[in-house]
């Protein structure tokens, strides 16, 4: 039965991603805004739902390590494995503003996370805690990001770069577009939940430890919405939306999900997560370097990003 649920979960993920991208693309067309903006906001917020649910529940239970571990692990996967696979499917150009603003904003988020985790090192405190004030600062950061994307959306409203999305939006009703979007998002969330639960049960039955399952299957599982949505978008020629989804998800995960979790309940942090936080910063810097180097992500860049995750995956398995 577990294997059947696993298959059902993957089917829901794949079909849901297709409907989700179609709905989001058509909505972008009707609003006459760039698919990148939709990817950075609506799509990334929707695909961050699994991380939000897991983190808020963990925060209520006082499990700070699970909250931060889930967010850091998912963000590493997003900009290494997920983005790498997406680029291998469809290489794309990166507009200058994204190179100099959105990617650096994701880097700022990663650096802030490390700073807020480092109470003992920076302030000689007795323990490392991401507190409510830290959470409020992070929520202010997502507010600033949403304001920036709103201004950018207004500026690019009449100059959307995707004529097919505009045509799709003009040829279909608002009800149909919103229905596709909601049905697709539901399929992604429920499908991802089935995959995570089923795969975790199978892995534990095979003798894998809870910690290893959390670092691998659960982290990848909660990032499956980003992967399926981004690959589906890339295959439909919506590479901008795919990229915006992954970068936006990383920004939302830290500023919104972590910020809200910390406001709900201060999060204690163990020393083992500092290495992962540094790895997230390094991979984000590598991504920014690849983006600035030639202004595009080629299949070679995609291969480099996937290789980085393979190395990280091997490291966490060895570390246990």
C-alpha atoms as a PDB file:
ATOM      1  CA  UNK A   1       0.000   0.000   0.000  1.00  0.00           C
ATOM      2  CA  UNK A   2       2.851   2.386   0.816  1.00  0.00           C
ATOM      3  CA  UNK A   3       4.303   1.960  -2.671  1.00  0.00           C
ATOM      4  CA  UNK A   4       0.882   2.694  -4.223  1.00  0.00           C
ATOM      5  CA  UNK A   5       0.598   5.903  -2.178  1.00  0.00           C
ATOM      6  CA  UNK A   6       4.088   6.863  -3.335  1.00  0.00           C
ATOM      7  CA  UNK A   7       3.057   6.462  -6.994  1.00  0.00           C
ATOM      8  CA  UNK A   8      -0.180   8.403  -6.408  1.00  0.00           C
ATOM      9  CA  UNK A   9       1.856  11.180  -4.787  1.00  0.00           C
ATOM     10  CA  UNK A  10       4.160  11.487  -7.786  1.00  0.00           C
ATOM     11  CA  UNK A  11       1.191  11.546 -10.179  1.00  0.00           C
ATOM     12  CA  UNK A  12      -0.451  14.338  -8.170  1.00  0.00           C
ATOM     13  CA  UNK A  13       2.826  16.274  -8.128  1.00  0.00           C
ATOM     14  CA  UNK A  14       3.391  16.028 -11.871  1.00  0.00           C
ATOM     15  CA  UNK A  15      -0.201  16.727 -12.944  1.00  0.00           C
ATOM     16  CA  UNK A  16      -0.610  19.415 -10.315  1.00  0.00           C
ATOM     17  CA  UNK A  17       2.558  21.193 -11.486  1.00  0.00           C
ATOM     18  CA  UNK A  18       1.264  21.273 -15.045  1.00  0.00           C
ATOM     19  CA  UNK A  19      -2.083  22.832 -14.042  1.00  0.00           C
ATOM     20  CA  UNK A  20      -0.322  25.192 -11.618  1.00  0.00           C
ATOM     21  CA  UNK A  21       2.024  26.560 -14.303  1.00  0.00           C
ATOM     22  CA  UNK A  22      -0.792  26.900 -16.866  1.00  0.00           C
ATOM     23  CA  UNK A  23      -2.914  28.848 -14.390  1.00  0.00           C
ATOM     24  CA  UNK A  24      -0.050  31.061 -13.205  1.00  0.00           C
ATOM     25  CA  UNK A  25       1.093  31.757 -16.778  1.00  0.00           C
ATOM     26  CA  UNK A  26      -2.415  32.751 -17.856  1.00  0.00           C
ATOM     27  CA  UNK A  27      -2.840  34.970 -14.782  1.00  0.00           C
ATOM     28  CA  UNK A  28       0.447  36.684 -15.665  1.00  0.00           C
ATOM     29  CA  UNK A  29      -0.912  37.277 -19.166  1.00  0.00           C
ATOM     30  CA  UNK A  30      -4.189  38.741 -17.908  1.00  0.00           C
ATOM     31  CA  UNK A  31      -2.333  41.063 -15.517  1.00  0.00           C
ATOM     32  CA  UNK A  32       0.212  41.925 -18.256  1.00  0.00           C
ATOM     33  CA  UNK A  33       3.155  41.297 -15.953  1.00  0.00           C
ATOM     34  CA  UNK A  34       6.317  39.290 -16.436  1.00  0.00           C
ATOM     35  CA  UNK A  35       6.173  35.575 -15.544  1.00  0.00           C
ATOM     36  CA  UNK A  36       9.327  36.239 -13.485  1.00  0.00           C
ATOM     37  CA  UNK A  37       7.265  38.404 -11.117  1.00  0.00           C
ATOM     38  CA  UNK A  38       4.629  35.678 -10.787  1.00  0.00           C
ATOM     39  CA  UNK A  39       7.389  33.144 -10.100  1.00  0.00           C
ATOM     40  CA  UNK A  40       8.993  35.372  -7.462  1.00  0.00           C
ATOM     41  CA  UNK A  41       5.743  35.914  -5.580  1.00  0.00           C
ATOM     42  CA  UNK A  42       2.587  33.817  -6.104  1.00  0.00           C
ATOM     43  CA  UNK A  43       4.271  30.653  -7.357  1.00  0.00           C
ATOM     44  CA  UNK A  44       7.154  30.703  -4.877  1.00  0.00           C
ATOM     45  CA  UNK A  45       4.795  31.356  -1.960  1.00  0.00           C
ATOM     46  CA  UNK A  46       2.581  28.476  -3.072  1.00  0.00           C
ATOM     47  CA  UNK A  47       5.424  26.003  -3.504  1.00  0.00           C
ATOM     48  CA  UNK A  48       6.882  27.046  -0.121  1.00  0.00           C
ATOM     49  CA  UNK A  49       3.699  25.800   1.567  1.00  0.00           C
ATOM     50  CA  UNK A  50       5.196  22.398   2.602  1.00  0.00           C
ATOM     51  CA  UNK A  51       8.172  24.085   4.276  1.00  0.00           C
ATOM     52  CA  UNK A  52       5.803  26.531   6.000  1.00  0.00           C
ATOM     53  CA  UNK A  53       3.537  23.790   7.367  1.00  0.00           C
ATOM     54  CA  UNK A  54       6.437  21.632   8.600  1.00  0.00           C
ATOM     55  CA  UNK A  55       8.240  24.609  10.154  1.00  0.00           C
ATOM     56  CA  UNK A  56       5.233  26.118  11.917  1.00  0.00           C
ATOM     57  CA  UNK A  57       4.279  22.751  13.436  1.00  0.00           C
ATOM     58  CA  UNK A  58       7.888  22.193  14.535  1.00  0.00           C
ATOM     59  CA  UNK A  59       7.989  25.703  16.011  1.00  0.00           C
ATOM     60  CA  UNK A  60       4.834  25.058  18.044  1.00  0.00           C
ATOM     61  CA  UNK A  61       6.483  21.872  19.337  1.00  0.00           C
ATOM     62  CA  UNK A  62       9.652  23.792  20.273  1.00  0.00           C
ATOM     63  CA  UNK A  63      11.864  21.976  17.755  1.00  0.00           C
ATOM     64  CA  UNK A  64      14.101  24.777  16.482  1.00  0.00           C
ATOM     65  CA  UNK A  65      16.573  22.460  14.800  1.00  0.00           C
ATOM     66  CA  UNK A  66      13.826  20.948  12.650  1.00  0.00           C
ATOM     67  CA  UNK A  67      12.616  24.394  11.558  1.00  0.00           C
ATOM     68  CA  UNK A  68      16.037  25.709  10.607  1.00  0.00           C
ATOM     69  CA  UNK A  69      17.255  22.363   9.255  1.00  0.00           C
ATOM     70  CA  UNK A  70      14.197  22.082   7.011  1.00  0.00           C
ATOM     71  CA  UNK A  71      14.638  25.624   5.682  1.00  0.00           C
ATOM     72  CA  UNK A  72      18.409  25.433   5.157  1.00  0.00           C
ATOM     73  CA  UNK A  73      18.201  21.973   3.585  1.00  0.00           C
ATOM     74  CA  UNK A  74      15.356  22.965   1.258  1.00  0.00           C
ATOM     75  CA  UNK A  75      17.146  26.158   0.178  1.00  0.00           C
ATOM     76  CA  UNK A  76      20.354  24.258  -0.612  1.00  0.00           C
ATOM     77  CA  UNK A  77      18.355  21.780  -2.680  1.00  0.00           C
ATOM     78  CA  UNK A  78      16.453  24.565  -4.477  1.00  0.00           C
ATOM     79  CA  UNK A  79      19.511  26.352  -5.855  1.00  0.00           C
ATOM     80  CA  UNK A  80      21.662  23.304  -6.492  1.00  0.00           C
ATOM     81  CA  UNK A  81      19.714  20.171  -7.429  1.00  0.00           C
ATOM     82  CA  UNK A  82      16.370  21.775  -8.364  1.00  0.00           C
ATOM     83  CA  UNK A  83      17.763  24.713 -10.325  1.00  0.00           C
ATOM     84  CA  UNK A  84      20.441  22.495 -11.878  1.00  0.00           C
ATOM     85  CA  UNK A  85      17.863  20.002 -13.171  1.00  0.00           C
ATOM     86  CA  UNK A  86      15.676  22.855 -14.461  1.00  0.00           C
ATOM     87  CA  UNK A  87      18.605  24.376 -16.391  1.00  0.00           C
ATOM     88  CA  UNK A  88      19.514  20.980 -17.836  1.00  0.00           C
ATOM     89  CA  UNK A  89      15.939  20.803 -19.185  1.00  0.00           C
ATOM     90  CA  UNK A  90      15.969  24.367 -20.554  1.00  0.00           C
ATOM     91  CA  UNK A  91      18.928  26.806 -20.336  1.00  0.00           C
ATOM     92  CA  UNK A  92      17.901  30.482 -20.133  1.00  0.00           C
ATOM     93  CA  UNK A  93      19.149  34.065 -19.994  1.00  0.00           C
ATOM     94  CA  UNK A  94      18.979  35.991 -16.708  1.00  0.00           C
ATOM     95  CA  UNK A  95      17.958  39.629 -16.886  1.00  0.00           C
ATOM     96  CA  UNK A  96      20.354  42.160 -15.383  1.00  0.00           C
ATOM     97  CA  UNK A  97      18.014  43.225 -12.575  1.00  0.00           C
ATOM     98  CA  UNK A  98      17.688  39.619 -11.412  1.00  0.00           C
ATOM     99  CA  UNK A  99      21.481  39.240 -11.383  1.00  0.00           C
ATOM    100  CA  UNK A 100      21.982  42.367  -9.282  1.00  0.00           C
ATOM    101  CA  UNK A 101      18.875  42.379  -7.070  1.00  0.00           C
ATOM    102  CA  UNK A 102      16.910  39.133  -6.652  1.00  0.00           C
ATOM    103  CA  UNK A 103      19.894  36.771  -6.331  1.00  0.00           C
ATOM    104  CA  UNK A 104      21.767  39.141  -3.960  1.00  0.00           C
ATOM    105  CA  UNK A 105      18.557  39.425  -1.896  1.00  0.00           C
ATOM    106  CA  UNK A 106      18.550  35.638  -1.530  1.00  0.00           C
ATOM    107  CA  UNK A 107      22.213  35.870  -0.442  1.00  0.00           C
ATOM    108  CA  UNK A 108      21.345  38.560   2.126  1.00  0.00           C
ATOM    109  CA  UNK A 109      18.644  36.250   3.485  1.00  0.00           C
ATOM    110  CA  UNK A 110      21.162  33.405   3.898  1.00  0.00           C
ATOM    111  CA  UNK A 111      23.684  35.704   5.630  1.00  0.00           C
ATOM    112  CA  UNK A 112      21.013  37.079   7.998  1.00  0.00           C
ATOM    113  CA  UNK A 113      20.045  33.515   8.892  1.00  0.00           C
ATOM    114  CA  UNK A 114      23.641  32.731   9.844  1.00  0.00           C
ATOM    115  CA  UNK A 115      23.955  35.970  11.860  1.00  0.00           C
ATOM    116  CA  UNK A 116      20.726  35.336  13.800  1.00  0.00           C
ATOM    117  CA  UNK A 117      21.916  31.788  14.555  1.00  0.00           C
ATOM    118  CA  UNK A 118      25.260  32.985  15.959  1.00  0.00           C
ATOM    119  CA  UNK A 119      24.407  34.450  19.369  1.00  0.00           C
ATOM    120  CA  UNK A 120      27.207  32.602  21.151  1.00  0.00           C
ATOM    121  CA  UNK A 121      29.876  33.622  18.639  1.00  0.00           C
ATOM    122  CA  UNK A 122      28.781  37.234  18.035  1.00  0.00           C
ATOM    123  CA  UNK A 123      27.305  38.229  21.402  1.00  0.00           C
ATOM    124  CA  UNK A 124      28.866  35.674  23.804  1.00  0.00           C
ATOM    125  CA  UNK A 125      25.404  34.430  24.786  1.00  0.00           C
ATOM    126  CA  UNK A 126      24.791  31.182  26.644  1.00  0.00           C
ATOM    127  CA  UNK A 127      22.932  29.626  23.696  1.00  0.00           C
ATOM    128  CA  UNK A 128      22.059  30.232  20.069  1.00  0.00           C
ATOM    129  CA  UNK A 129      18.437  31.310  19.657  1.00  0.00           C
ATOM    130  CA  UNK A 130      16.567  32.860  16.730  1.00  0.00           C
ATOM    131  CA  UNK A 131      14.235  35.026  18.818  1.00  0.00           C
ATOM    132  CA  UNK A 132      11.045  36.992  18.242  1.00  0.00           C
ATOM    133  CA  UNK A 133      12.908  40.226  17.440  1.00  0.00           C
ATOM    134  CA  UNK A 134      14.902  38.319  14.817  1.00  0.00           C
ATOM    135  CA  UNK A 135      11.607  36.995  13.462  1.00  0.00           C
ATOM    136  CA  UNK A 136      10.123  40.503  13.235  1.00  0.00           C
ATOM    137  CA  UNK A 137      13.209  41.701  11.339  1.00  0.00           C
ATOM    138  CA  UNK A 138      12.860  38.790   8.914  1.00  0.00           C
ATOM    139  CA  UNK A 139       9.149  39.506   8.370  1.00  0.00           C
ATOM    140  CA  UNK A 140      10.065  43.136   7.638  1.00  0.00           C
ATOM    141  CA  UNK A 141      12.489  41.753   5.052  1.00  0.00           C
ATOM    142  CA  UNK A 142       9.721  39.882   3.220  1.00  0.00           C
ATOM    143  CA  UNK A 143       7.597  43.026   3.356  1.00  0.00           C
ATOM    144  CA  UNK A 144      10.410  44.966   1.678  1.00  0.00           C
ATOM    145  CA  UNK A 145      10.802  42.254  -0.959  1.00  0.00           C
ATOM    146  CA  UNK A 146       7.068  42.231  -1.741  1.00  0.00           C
ATOM    147  CA  UNK A 147       7.129  46.032  -2.081  1.00  0.00           C
ATOM    148  CA  UNK A 148      10.066  45.747  -4.500  1.00  0.00           C
ATOM    149  CA  UNK A 149       8.291  43.137  -6.627  1.00  0.00           C
ATOM    150  CA  UNK A 150       5.084  45.235  -6.612  1.00  0.00           C
ATOM    151  CA  UNK A 151       7.005  48.255  -7.935  1.00  0.00           C
ATOM    152  CA  UNK A 152       8.740  46.064 -10.513  1.00  0.00           C
ATOM    153  CA  UNK A 153       5.406  44.558 -11.579  1.00  0.00           C
ATOM    154  CA  UNK A 154       3.919  48.033 -12.131  1.00  0.00           C
ATOM    155  CA  UNK A 155       6.965  49.073 -14.156  1.00  0.00           C
ATOM    156  CA  UNK A 156       6.847  46.003 -16.391  1.00  0.00           C
ATOM    157  CA  UNK A 157       3.055  45.640 -16.520  1.00  0.00           C
ATOM    158  CA  UNK A 158       2.709  46.869 -20.096  1.00  0.00           C
ATOM    159  CA  UNK A 159       5.930  45.236 -21.269  1.00  0.00           C
ATOM    160  CA  UNK A 160       5.517  41.584 -20.367  1.00  0.00           C
ATOM    161  CA  UNK A 161       8.119  39.484 -22.111  1.00  0.00           C
ATOM    162  CA  UNK A 162       5.871  36.495 -22.765  1.00  0.00           C
ATOM    163  CA  UNK A 163       3.372  37.060 -25.603  1.00  0.00           C
ATOM    164  CA  UNK A 164       2.119  33.465 -25.378  1.00  0.00           C
ATOM    165  CA  UNK A 165       1.225  33.919 -21.704  1.00  0.00           C
ATOM    166  CA  UNK A 166      -0.582  37.152 -22.555  1.00  0.00           C
ATOM    167  CA  UNK A 167      -2.505  35.415 -25.336  1.00  0.00           C
ATOM    168  CA  UNK A 168      -3.328  32.497 -23.025  1.00  0.00           C
ATOM    169  CA  UNK A 169      -4.616  34.918 -20.423  1.00  0.00           C
ATOM    170  CA  UNK A 170      -6.741  36.816 -22.950  1.00  0.00           C
ATOM    171  CA  UNK A 171      -8.239  33.615 -24.376  1.00  0.00           C
ATOM    172  CA  UNK A 172      -9.454  32.135 -21.091  1.00  0.00           C
ATOM    173  CA  UNK A 173     -11.613  33.254 -18.192  1.00  0.00           C
ATOM    174  CA  UNK A 174     -10.446  34.374 -14.777  1.00  0.00           C
ATOM    175  CA  UNK A 175     -12.429  31.532 -13.207  1.00  0.00           C
ATOM    176  CA  UNK A 176     -10.682  28.897 -15.342  1.00  0.00           C
ATOM    177  CA  UNK A 177      -7.226  30.366 -14.670  1.00  0.00           C
ATOM    178  CA  UNK A 178      -7.757  30.605 -10.911  1.00  0.00           C
ATOM    179  CA  UNK A 179      -9.302  27.110 -10.817  1.00  0.00           C
ATOM    180  CA  UNK A 180      -6.265  25.649 -12.631  1.00  0.00           C
ATOM    181  CA  UNK A 181      -3.957  27.495 -10.241  1.00  0.00           C
ATOM    182  CA  UNK A 182      -5.764  26.308  -7.078  1.00  0.00           C
ATOM    183  CA  UNK A 183      -6.260  22.715  -8.290  1.00  0.00           C
ATOM    184  CA  UNK A 184      -2.621  22.537  -9.355  1.00  0.00           C
ATOM    185  CA  UNK A 185      -1.403  23.902  -6.018  1.00  0.00           C
ATOM    186  CA  UNK A 186      -3.576  21.417  -4.121  1.00  0.00           C
ATOM    187  CA  UNK A 187      -2.172  18.569  -6.207  1.00  0.00           C
ATOM    188  CA  UNK A 188       1.381  19.747  -5.534  1.00  0.00           C
ATOM    189  CA  UNK A 189       0.879  20.050  -1.763  1.00  0.00           C
ATOM    190  CA  UNK A 190      -1.043  16.802  -1.246  1.00  0.00           C
ATOM    191  CA  UNK A 191       1.151  14.917  -3.702  1.00  0.00           C
ATOM    192  CA  UNK A 192       4.291  16.153  -1.956  1.00  0.00           C
ATOM    193  CA  UNK A 193       2.890  15.125   1.426  1.00  0.00           C
ATOM    194  CA  UNK A 194       2.121  11.610   0.148  1.00  0.00           C
ATOM    195  CA  UNK A 195       5.600  11.275  -1.363  1.00  0.00           C
ATOM    196  CA  UNK A 196       7.348  12.425   1.838  1.00  0.00           C
ATOM    197  CA  UNK A 197       5.300  10.187   4.150  1.00  0.00           C
ATOM    198  CA  UNK A 198       5.496   7.124   1.894  1.00  0.00           C
ATOM    199  CA  UNK A 199       9.188   7.472   1.085  1.00  0.00           C
ATOM    200  CA  UNK A 200      10.016   8.036   4.771  1.00  0.00           C
ATOM    201  CA  UNK A 201       8.115   4.876   5.767  1.00  0.00           C
ATOM    202  CA  UNK A 202       9.892   2.840   3.088  1.00  0.00           C
ATOM    203  CA  UNK A 203      13.299   4.226   4.078  1.00  0.00           C
ATOM    204  CA  UNK A 204      12.778   3.532   7.780  1.00  0.00           C
ATOM    205  CA  UNK A 205      11.625   0.004   7.001  1.00  0.00           C
ATOM    206  CA  UNK A 206      14.922  -0.455   5.132  1.00  0.00           C
ATOM    207  CA  UNK A 207      16.918   0.572   8.212  1.00  0.00           C
ATOM    208  CA  UNK A 208      17.707   4.241   7.542  1.00  0.00           C
ATOM    209  CA  UNK A 209      17.901   6.481  10.625  1.00  0.00           C
ATOM    210  CA  UNK A 210      15.389   9.249  11.361  1.00  0.00           C
ATOM    211  CA  UNK A 211      18.124  11.885  11.036  1.00  0.00           C
ATOM    212  CA  UNK A 212      19.258  10.651   7.642  1.00  0.00           C
ATOM    213  CA  UNK A 213      15.665  10.436   6.406  1.00  0.00           C
ATOM    214  CA  UNK A 214      15.090  14.032   7.524  1.00  0.00           C
ATOM    215  CA  UNK A 215      18.210  15.343   5.828  1.00  0.00           C
ATOM    216  CA  UNK A 216      17.552  13.536   2.579  1.00  0.00           C
ATOM    217  CA  UNK A 217      14.035  12.292   1.825  1.00  0.00           C
ATOM    218  CA  UNK A 218      12.065  14.874   3.813  1.00  0.00           C
ATOM    219  CA  UNK A 219      14.233  17.790   2.642  1.00  0.00           C
ATOM    220  CA  UNK A 220      13.941  16.674  -0.987  1.00  0.00           C
ATOM    221  CA  UNK A 221      10.265  15.832  -0.524  1.00  0.00           C
ATOM    222  CA  UNK A 222       9.311  19.288   0.748  1.00  0.00           C
ATOM    223  CA  UNK A 223      11.214  20.752  -2.233  1.00  0.00           C
ATOM    224  CA  UNK A 224       9.413  18.573  -4.791  1.00  0.00           C
ATOM    225  CA  UNK A 225       6.769  21.293  -5.412  1.00  0.00           C
ATOM    226  CA  UNK A 226       9.551  23.662  -6.501  1.00  0.00           C
ATOM    227  CA  UNK A 227      11.123  20.981  -8.712  1.00  0.00           C
ATOM    228  CA  UNK A 228       7.945  19.824 -10.442  1.00  0.00           C
ATOM    229  CA  UNK A 229       6.717  23.396 -10.926  1.00  0.00           C
ATOM    230  CA  UNK A 230      10.055  24.652 -12.248  1.00  0.00           C
ATOM    231  CA  UNK A 231      10.646  21.731 -14.631  1.00  0.00           C
ATOM    232  CA  UNK A 232       7.062  21.985 -15.902  1.00  0.00           C
ATOM    233  CA  UNK A 233       7.526  25.738 -16.426  1.00  0.00           C
ATOM    234  CA  UNK A 234      10.843  25.221 -18.242  1.00  0.00           C
ATOM    235  CA  UNK A 235       9.328  22.611 -20.552  1.00  0.00           C
ATOM    236  CA  UNK A 236       6.465  25.010 -21.368  1.00  0.00           C
ATOM    237  CA  UNK A 237       8.939  27.765 -22.256  1.00  0.00           C
ATOM    238  CA  UNK A 238       8.407  29.646 -18.968  1.00  0.00           C
ATOM    239  CA  UNK A 239      12.052  29.597 -17.850  1.00  0.00           C
ATOM    240  CA  UNK A 240      11.689  32.989 -16.157  1.00  0.00           C
ATOM    241  CA  UNK A 241       8.878  31.666 -13.994  1.00  0.00           C
ATOM    242  CA  UNK A 242      10.917  28.560 -13.141  1.00  0.00           C
ATOM    243  CA  UNK A 243      13.900  30.634 -12.024  1.00  0.00           C
ATOM    244  CA  UNK A 244      11.721  33.123 -10.136  1.00  0.00           C
ATOM    245  CA  UNK A 245      10.011  30.225  -8.356  1.00  0.00           C
ATOM    246  CA  UNK A 246      13.266  28.803  -6.981  1.00  0.00           C
ATOM    247  CA  UNK A 247      14.877  32.119  -6.012  1.00  0.00           C
ATOM    248  CA  UNK A 248      11.585  33.395  -4.605  1.00  0.00           C
ATOM    249  CA  UNK A 249      11.109  30.197  -2.585  1.00  0.00           C
ATOM    250  CA  UNK A 250      14.511  30.654  -0.949  1.00  0.00           C
ATOM    251  CA  UNK A 251      13.636  34.247  -0.057  1.00  0.00           C
ATOM    252  CA  UNK A 252      10.192  33.285   1.302  1.00  0.00           C
ATOM    253  CA  UNK A 253      11.584  30.312   3.250  1.00  0.00           C
ATOM    254  CA  UNK A 254      13.969  32.471   5.274  1.00  0.00           C
ATOM    255  CA  UNK A 255      12.182  35.820   5.553  1.00  0.00           C
ATOM    256  CA  UNK A 256       8.589  34.579   5.818  1.00  0.00           C
ATOM    257  CA  UNK A 257       8.619  30.947   7.023  1.00  0.00           C
ATOM    258  CA  UNK A 258      11.537  31.317   9.460  1.00  0.00           C
ATOM    259  CA  UNK A 259      10.398  34.798  10.503  1.00  0.00           C
ATOM    260  CA  UNK A 260       6.861  33.625  11.278  1.00  0.00           C
ATOM    261  CA  UNK A 261       8.145  30.498  13.062  1.00  0.00           C
ATOM    262  CA  UNK A 262      10.479  32.575  15.265  1.00  0.00           C
ATOM    263  CA  UNK A 263       7.686  35.012  16.162  1.00  0.00           C
ATOM    264  CA  UNK A 264       5.442  32.086  17.125  1.00  0.00           C
ATOM    265  CA  UNK A 265       8.156  30.562  19.326  1.00  0.00           C
ATOM    266  CA  UNK A 266      11.889  31.393  19.704  1.00  0.00           C
ATOM    267  CA  UNK A 267      14.009  28.729  18.019  1.00  0.00           C
ATOM    268  CA  UNK A 268      17.036  27.129  19.691  1.00  0.00           C
ATOM    269  CA  UNK A 269      19.842  26.152  17.327  1.00  0.00           C
ATOM    270  CA  UNK A 270      22.438  23.391  17.692  1.00  0.00           C
ATOM    271  CA  UNK A 271      25.993  23.684  16.406  1.00  0.00           C
ATOM    272  CA  UNK A 272      25.602  21.040  13.714  1.00  0.00           C
ATOM    273  CA  UNK A 273      23.540  23.366  11.505  1.00  0.00           C
ATOM    274  CA  UNK A 274      26.217  26.047  11.140  1.00  0.00           C
ATOM    275  CA  UNK A 275      28.101  24.073   8.486  1.00  0.00           C
ATOM    276  CA  UNK A 276      24.901  23.731   6.456  1.00  0.00           C
ATOM    277  CA  UNK A 277      24.208  27.474   6.773  1.00  0.00           C
ATOM    278  CA  UNK A 278      27.704  28.232   5.456  1.00  0.00           C
ATOM    279  CA  UNK A 279      27.184  25.764   2.598  1.00  0.00           C
ATOM    280  CA  UNK A 280      23.955  27.592   1.674  1.00  0.00           C
ATOM    281  CA  UNK A 281      25.853  30.900   1.539  1.00  0.00           C
ATOM    282  CA  UNK A 282      28.657  29.411  -0.576  1.00  0.00           C
ATOM    283  CA  UNK A 283      26.253  27.821  -3.084  1.00  0.00           C
ATOM    284  CA  UNK A 284      24.301  31.093  -3.357  1.00  0.00           C
ATOM    285  CA  UNK A 285      27.551  32.957  -4.073  1.00  0.00           C
ATOM    286  CA  UNK A 286      28.422  30.365  -6.736  1.00  0.00           C
ATOM    287  CA  UNK A 287      24.986  30.832  -8.329  1.00  0.00           C
ATOM    288  CA  UNK A 288      25.422  34.615  -8.329  1.00  0.00           C
ATOM    289  CA  UNK A 289      28.865  34.227  -9.904  1.00  0.00           C
ATOM    290  CA  UNK A 290      27.484  31.950 -12.648  1.00  0.00           C
ATOM    291  CA  UNK A 291      24.657  34.425 -13.307  1.00  0.00           C
ATOM    292  CA  UNK A 292      26.938  37.467 -13.462  1.00  0.00           C
ATOM    293  CA  UNK A 293      29.627  35.712 -15.497  1.00  0.00           C
ATOM    294  CA  UNK A 294      27.734  35.349 -18.777  1.00  0.00           C
ATOM    295  CA  UNK A 295      24.254  36.557 -17.917  1.00  0.00           C
ATOM    296  CA  UNK A 296      22.778  33.121 -18.480  1.00  0.00           C
ATOM    297  CA  UNK A 297      22.603  29.633 -17.040  1.00  0.00           C
ATOM    298  CA  UNK A 298      23.758  27.023 -19.534  1.00  0.00           C
ATOM    299  CA  UNK A 299      23.556  23.256 -19.286  1.00  0.00           C
ATOM    300  CA  UNK A 300      27.162  23.327 -18.067  1.00  0.00           C
ATOM    301  CA  UNK A 301      26.073  25.605 -15.210  1.00  0.00           C
ATOM    302  CA  UNK A 302      23.197  23.224 -14.509  1.00  0.00           C
ATOM    303  CA  UNK A 303      25.620  20.323 -14.335  1.00  0.00           C
ATOM    304  CA  UNK A 304      27.830  22.259 -11.900  1.00  0.00           C
ATOM    305  CA  UNK A 305      24.855  22.971  -9.624  1.00  0.00           C
ATOM    306  CA  UNK A 306      23.717  19.332  -9.644  1.00  0.00           C
ATOM    307  CA  UNK A 307      27.293  18.214  -8.892  1.00  0.00           C
ATOM    308  CA  UNK A 308      27.396  20.585  -5.909  1.00  0.00           C
ATOM    309  CA  UNK A 309      24.321  18.905  -4.472  1.00  0.00           C
ATOM    310  CA  UNK A 310      25.738  15.422  -5.080  1.00  0.00           C
ATOM    311  CA  UNK A 311      28.834  16.447  -3.091  1.00  0.00           C
ATOM    312  CA  UNK A 312      26.661  17.908  -0.314  1.00  0.00           C
ATOM    313  CA  UNK A 313      24.451  14.798  -0.291  1.00  0.00           C
ATOM    314  CA  UNK A 314      27.530  12.568   0.085  1.00  0.00           C
ATOM    315  CA  UNK A 315      28.759  14.808   2.906  1.00  0.00           C
ATOM    316  CA  UNK A 316      25.552  14.608   4.963  1.00  0.00           C
ATOM    317  CA  UNK A 317      25.391  10.835   4.546  1.00  0.00           C
ATOM    318  CA  UNK A 318      29.011  10.471   5.737  1.00  0.00           C
ATOM    319  CA  UNK A 319      28.304  12.912   8.574  1.00  0.00           C
ATOM    320  CA  UNK A 320      25.213  10.909   9.514  1.00  0.00           C
END
